[in-house]
């Protein structure tokens, strides 16, 4: 059953605009700012510095938005990290990393995999997913470009994207993770 939720963003530069990401799960609970489940026409502000918003349209009643807001909460914690947070001179979170990280999170949640969110010392966001069959690590750099490694646990083989790439290049890794697991 498909929901009608999409990610939209306001203040992210043009190469990182990915505004029509569909969540293929029904939404369980809508945030308190939403008063009617059957029709939401205004974007739900996630209160992130990067200005990322989620739109929910008609018939939303399922399981993902609560998980998404847990991820948003983790990103808000990263927003509060000051430069040097790791005592080795790590950079503070760069807002350009947020929208791509959320886009890949929503894609992973398509099959109910909620990533762990970790800060990267470069000012980016790390997404870590693990299932019984495989592990996926995605690093979204401070410029919004991504790298990723998918490891198949059964045989130890990997698929990698080592060159910093736009989100679209990482979709194949996330889909492979979802299929295997």
Foldseek 3Di string as FASTA:
>chain_A
DWFQKWKAFDAADDVQGDTGQTQGWADADDDPVDDDQAAFDDWAFLPDPRRMTMTGGGDHHGHPPVLLNVVSVVVVVQQPQPQCNVVPGFHRAASLQPSLVSSLQSLLCSLDWGWDWDADSQNHIWTWTDDPFWIKIKTQGSNRFIWMWIAGVVVRDIDIDDPGHHSVVCSVVSVVVSVRD
